Amino acid sequence: MSAETLDLQSDFQWLPPKTAIRCPDCGGEAHFQAADLLVPLKSEESSFRKQGLHRIQFSKVERHYSSWFRDHYLLYDGFGTKFPKGVNPFPGGGRLATNCLRGTSFCTGCFNHHKVKLKWPEEAYFQLSYAGRCLWFYNRGHVVAMLELLAGADRSRHPWGDWFSRKLPTVFKTARARRQLPPKLRKMLRT
């Protein structure tokens, strides 16, 4: 079985720990958990191959990472793996929490879980169209923060205030948007 390639430019993006996405089965709200990277010792690599874990390699040299040339394995939450007795699945801190766009979706409606490769922000559960632009949110807390900031909360003290000031496009901060967006956001929270 050949290794799949992993690119730091296209396969990684910062996402908060609790990210809401659409369930592949029912279209409801699902929680996304990024997969962890496992880097086994050379002596334990054969045990990992026998487990049938998803093997990946970096597509090109990655600076400031000394193990870029070795095989890595993706560990998906909810898909248990049993290791032979005496094999440490995380040798020397070899389990790396990542911001990988590959992971597990856990649906809150149909209770299914799937291995997914996320297409962000297209698969964001909380999103709406306003003035021809897509406004997406990481989770319910992010929607509530937007409501608070549109209502006039002090941006300098709010945890999402910096995001609102610097990252949010101006079209969503206009007086018209402050009138029209809150009802849409409240409706989004009720679903």
Protein backbone atom coordinates (compact mmCIF):
# COMPACT_ATOMS: atom_id res chain seq x y z
CA MET A 1 0.00 0.00 0.00
CA SER A 2 1.57 3.31 -1.07
CA ALA A 3 1.58 6.38 1.11
CA GLU A 4 -0.65 9.33 0.31
CA THR A 5 1.02 12.74 0.20
CA LEU A 6 0.27 15.54 2.63
CA ASP A 7 0.86 19.20 1.80
CA LEU A 8 1.18 21.78 4.56
CA GLN A 9 -0.25 24.49 2.30
CA SER A 10 -3.52 22.77 1.30
CA ASP A 11 -4.12 20.06 3.91
CA PHE A 12 -3.77 22.18 7.06
CA GLN A 13 -5.77 25.15 8.34
CA TRP A 14 -6.33 26.52 11.82
CA LEU A 15 -9.72 25.49 13.20
CA PRO A 16 -10.92 25.81 16.79
CA PRO A 17 -11.29 22.57 18.81
CA LYS A 18 -15.09 22.61 18.42
CA THR A 19 -15.90 23.15 14.76
CA ALA A 20 -19.40 22.52 13.36
CA ILE A 21 -19.69 20.98 9.89
CA ARG A 22 -22.49 19.39 7.84
CA CYS A 23 -23.06 15.68 8.41
CA PRO A 24 -22.36 13.68 5.21
CA ASP A 25 -25.43 11.50 5.91
CA CYS A 26 -28.27 13.68 7.20
CA GLY A 27 -26.99 17.23 6.55
CA GLY A 28 -27.40 18.12 10.23
CA GLU A 29 -24.85 19.58 12.60
CA ALA A 30 -21.77 17.45 13.15
CA HIS A 31 -18.63 18.14 15.17
CA PHE A 32 -15.26 17.86 13.46
CA GLN A 33 -12.25 16.41 15.27
CA ALA A 34 -8.94 16.75 13.41
CA ALA A 35 -6.87 13.58 13.00
CA ASP A 36 -3.60 13.28 14.91
CA LEU A 37 -0.31 12.43 13.25
CA LEU A 38 1.63 9.46 14.57
CA VAL A 39 5.36 9.23 13.94
CA PRO A 40 6.53 5.74 14.97
CA LEU A 41 10.07 4.73 15.79
CA LYS A 42 11.73 2.78 12.99
CA SER A 43 11.68 -0.37 15.16
CA GLU A 44 7.88 -0.13 15.56
CA GLU A 45 6.98 0.82 11.99
CA SER A 46 6.07 -2.73 10.94
CA SER A 47 3.48 -2.88 13.75
CA PHE A 48 1.84 0.27 12.43
CA ARG A 49 1.70 -1.10 8.89
CA LYS A 50 -0.03 -4.27 10.15
CA GLN A 51 -2.70 -2.10 11.81
CA GLY A 52 -3.81 -0.73 8.45
CA LEU A 53 -3.53 2.87 9.58
CA HIS A 54 -3.76 5.58 6.95
CA ARG A 55 -0.11 6.13 5.90
CA ILE A 56 0.96 9.52 4.59
CA GLN A 57 4.14 11.35 3.63
CA PHE A 58 4.87 15.02 3.10
CA SER A 59 4.78 16.04 -0.56
CA LYS A 60 7.95 18.12 -0.34
CA VAL A 61 10.69 19.09 2.08
CA GLU A 62 9.22 20.92 5.06
CA ARG A 63 11.65 23.28 6.74
CA HIS A 64 12.02 23.25 10.51
CA TYR A 65 10.64 19.71 10.75
CA SER A 66 13.31 17.04 11.01
CA SER A 67 11.03 14.01 10.38
CA TRP A 68 9.43 15.21 7.14
CA PHE A 69 10.95 12.27 5.19
CA ARG A 70 9.52 9.53 7.46
CA ASP A 71 6.16 7.82 7.13
CA HIS A 72 3.41 9.33 9.27
CA TYR A 73 0.08 7.76 10.16
CA LEU A 74 -3.25 9.49 10.68
CA LEU A 75 -5.17 8.50 13.81
CA TYR A 76 -8.88 9.25 13.53
CA ASP A 77 -10.91 9.62 16.74
CA GLY A 78 -13.72 7.09 16.97
CA PHE A 79 -11.94 4.51 14.85
CA GLY A 80 -10.16 2.36 17.41
CA THR A 81 -6.86 0.71 16.70
CA LYS A 82 -5.34 -2.12 18.73
CA PHE A 83 -1.59 -2.32 19.00
CA PRO A 84 0.40 -5.47 19.82
CA LYS A 85 1.44 -5.92 23.43
CA GLY A 86 4.60 -3.99 24.22
CA VAL A 87 4.23 -1.51 21.34
CA ASN A 88 3.85 2.08 22.44
CA PRO A 89 1.58 3.74 19.84
CA PHE A 90 2.96 7.17 20.75
CA PRO A 91 6.72 6.71 21.17
CA GLY A 92 8.63 9.67 22.55
CA GLY A 93 5.69 12.02 22.21
CA GLY A 94 5.14 10.85 18.64
CA ARG A 95 1.45 11.80 18.60
CA LEU A 96 1.11 15.27 17.16
CA ALA A 97 -2.11 17.24 17.46
CA THR A 98 -2.62 18.90 14.10
CA ASN A 99 -4.81 21.36 12.31
CA CYS A 100 -5.22 18.81 9.58
CA LEU A 101 -8.33 19.09 7.43
CA ARG A 102 -8.67 15.32 7.68
CA GLY A 103 -10.47 13.97 10.69
CA THR A 104 -13.70 12.54 12.07
CA SER A 105 -17.19 14.00 11.93
CA PHE A 106 -19.52 13.12 14.82
CA CYS A 107 -23.16 13.87 13.97
CA THR A 108 -25.45 15.13 16.75
CA GLY A 109 -28.59 14.13 14.80
CA CYS A 110 -28.05 10.66 13.30
CA PHE A 111 -25.12 9.79 15.66
CA ASN A 112 -22.94 8.48 12.81
CA HIS A 113 -19.25 9.16 12.56
CA HIS A 114 -17.18 9.26 9.40
CA LYS A 115 -13.63 9.84 8.30
CA VAL A 116 -13.72 13.07 6.30
CA LYS A 117 -11.44 15.34 4.32
CA LEU A 118 -12.86 18.75 5.07
CA LYS A 119 -13.49 21.37 2.40
CA TRP A 120 -13.46 24.51 4.54
CA PRO A 121 -15.44 26.80 4.55
CA GLU A 122 -17.80 25.12 2.05
CA GLU A 123 -18.75 22.47 4.63
CA ALA A 124 -19.25 24.89 7.52
CA TYR A 125 -22.61 24.17 9.17
CA PHE A 126 -23.22 27.79 10.18
CA GLN A 127 -23.11 29.95 7.07
CA LEU A 128 -25.33 32.45 5.30
CA SER A 129 -25.27 34.61 2.22
CA TYR A 130 -25.45 38.37 2.61
CA ALA A 131 -24.87 40.98 -0.10
CA GLY A 132 -23.53 38.30 -2.42
CA ARG A 133 -20.88 37.19 0.09
CA CYS A 134 -20.71 34.04 2.21
CA LEU A 135 -20.43 34.58 5.96
CA TRP A 136 -19.41 31.41 7.81
CA PHE A 137 -18.87 30.58 11.46
CA TYR A 138 -16.81 27.91 13.25
CA ASN A 139 -19.54 26.96 15.78
CA ARG A 140 -22.54 28.23 17.78
CA GLY A 141 -20.30 30.26 20.08
CA HIS A 142 -18.92 32.09 17.06
CA VAL A 143 -22.47 32.97 15.91
CA VAL A 144 -23.35 34.26 19.40
CA ALA A 145 -20.18 36.36 19.42
CA MET A 146 -21.16 37.90 16.07
CA LEU A 147 -24.59 38.78 17.48
CA GLU A 148 -22.98 40.45 20.50
CA LEU A 149 -20.52 42.41 18.37
CA LEU A 150 -23.24 43.56 15.94
CA ALA A 151 -25.28 44.72 18.96
CA GLY A 152 -22.42 47.00 19.98
CA ALA A 153 -20.38 45.01 22.51
CA ASP A 154 -17.00 46.51 23.41
CA ARG A 155 -14.64 45.04 20.80
CA SER A 156 -11.51 45.69 22.86
CA ARG A 157 -12.74 43.38 25.66
CA HIS A 158 -14.55 40.75 23.59
CA PRO A 159 -12.70 37.48 22.77
CA TRP A 160 -13.72 37.74 19.09
CA GLY A 161 -13.29 41.54 18.92
CA ASP A 162 -9.98 41.34 17.08
CA TRP A 163 -11.49 39.00 14.49
CA PHE A 164 -14.47 41.36 14.06
CA SER A 165 -12.21 44.41 13.62
CA ARG A 166 -9.53 42.92 11.37
CA LYS A 167 -10.80 39.83 9.56
CA LEU A 168 -14.50 40.43 8.94
CA PRO A 169 -15.15 42.15 5.57
CA THR A 170 -16.62 45.65 5.81
CA VAL A 171 -19.86 44.66 4.08
CA PHE A 172 -20.85 42.73 7.25
CA LYS A 173 -20.12 45.70 9.56
CA THR A 174 -22.24 48.39 7.89
CA ALA A 175 -25.29 49.97 9.54
CA ARG A 176 -27.51 48.07 7.10
CA ALA A 177 -25.86 44.76 8.03
CA ARG A 178 -26.27 45.56 11.74
CA ARG A 179 -30.03 45.78 11.11
CA GLN A 180 -30.44 42.81 8.74
CA LEU A 181 -28.00 40.20 10.03
CA PRO A 182 -29.16 39.69 13.67
CA PRO A 183 -32.58 38.17 12.72
CA LYS A 184 -30.84 35.78 10.30
CA LEU A 185 -28.26 34.81 12.92
CA ARG A 186 -30.95 34.17 15.58
CA LYS A 187 -32.85 31.99 13.09
CA MET A 188 -29.62 30.09 12.38
CA LEU A 189 -29.17 29.41 16.13
CA ARG A 190 -32.72 28.01 16.42
CA THR A 191 -32.10 25.30 13.81
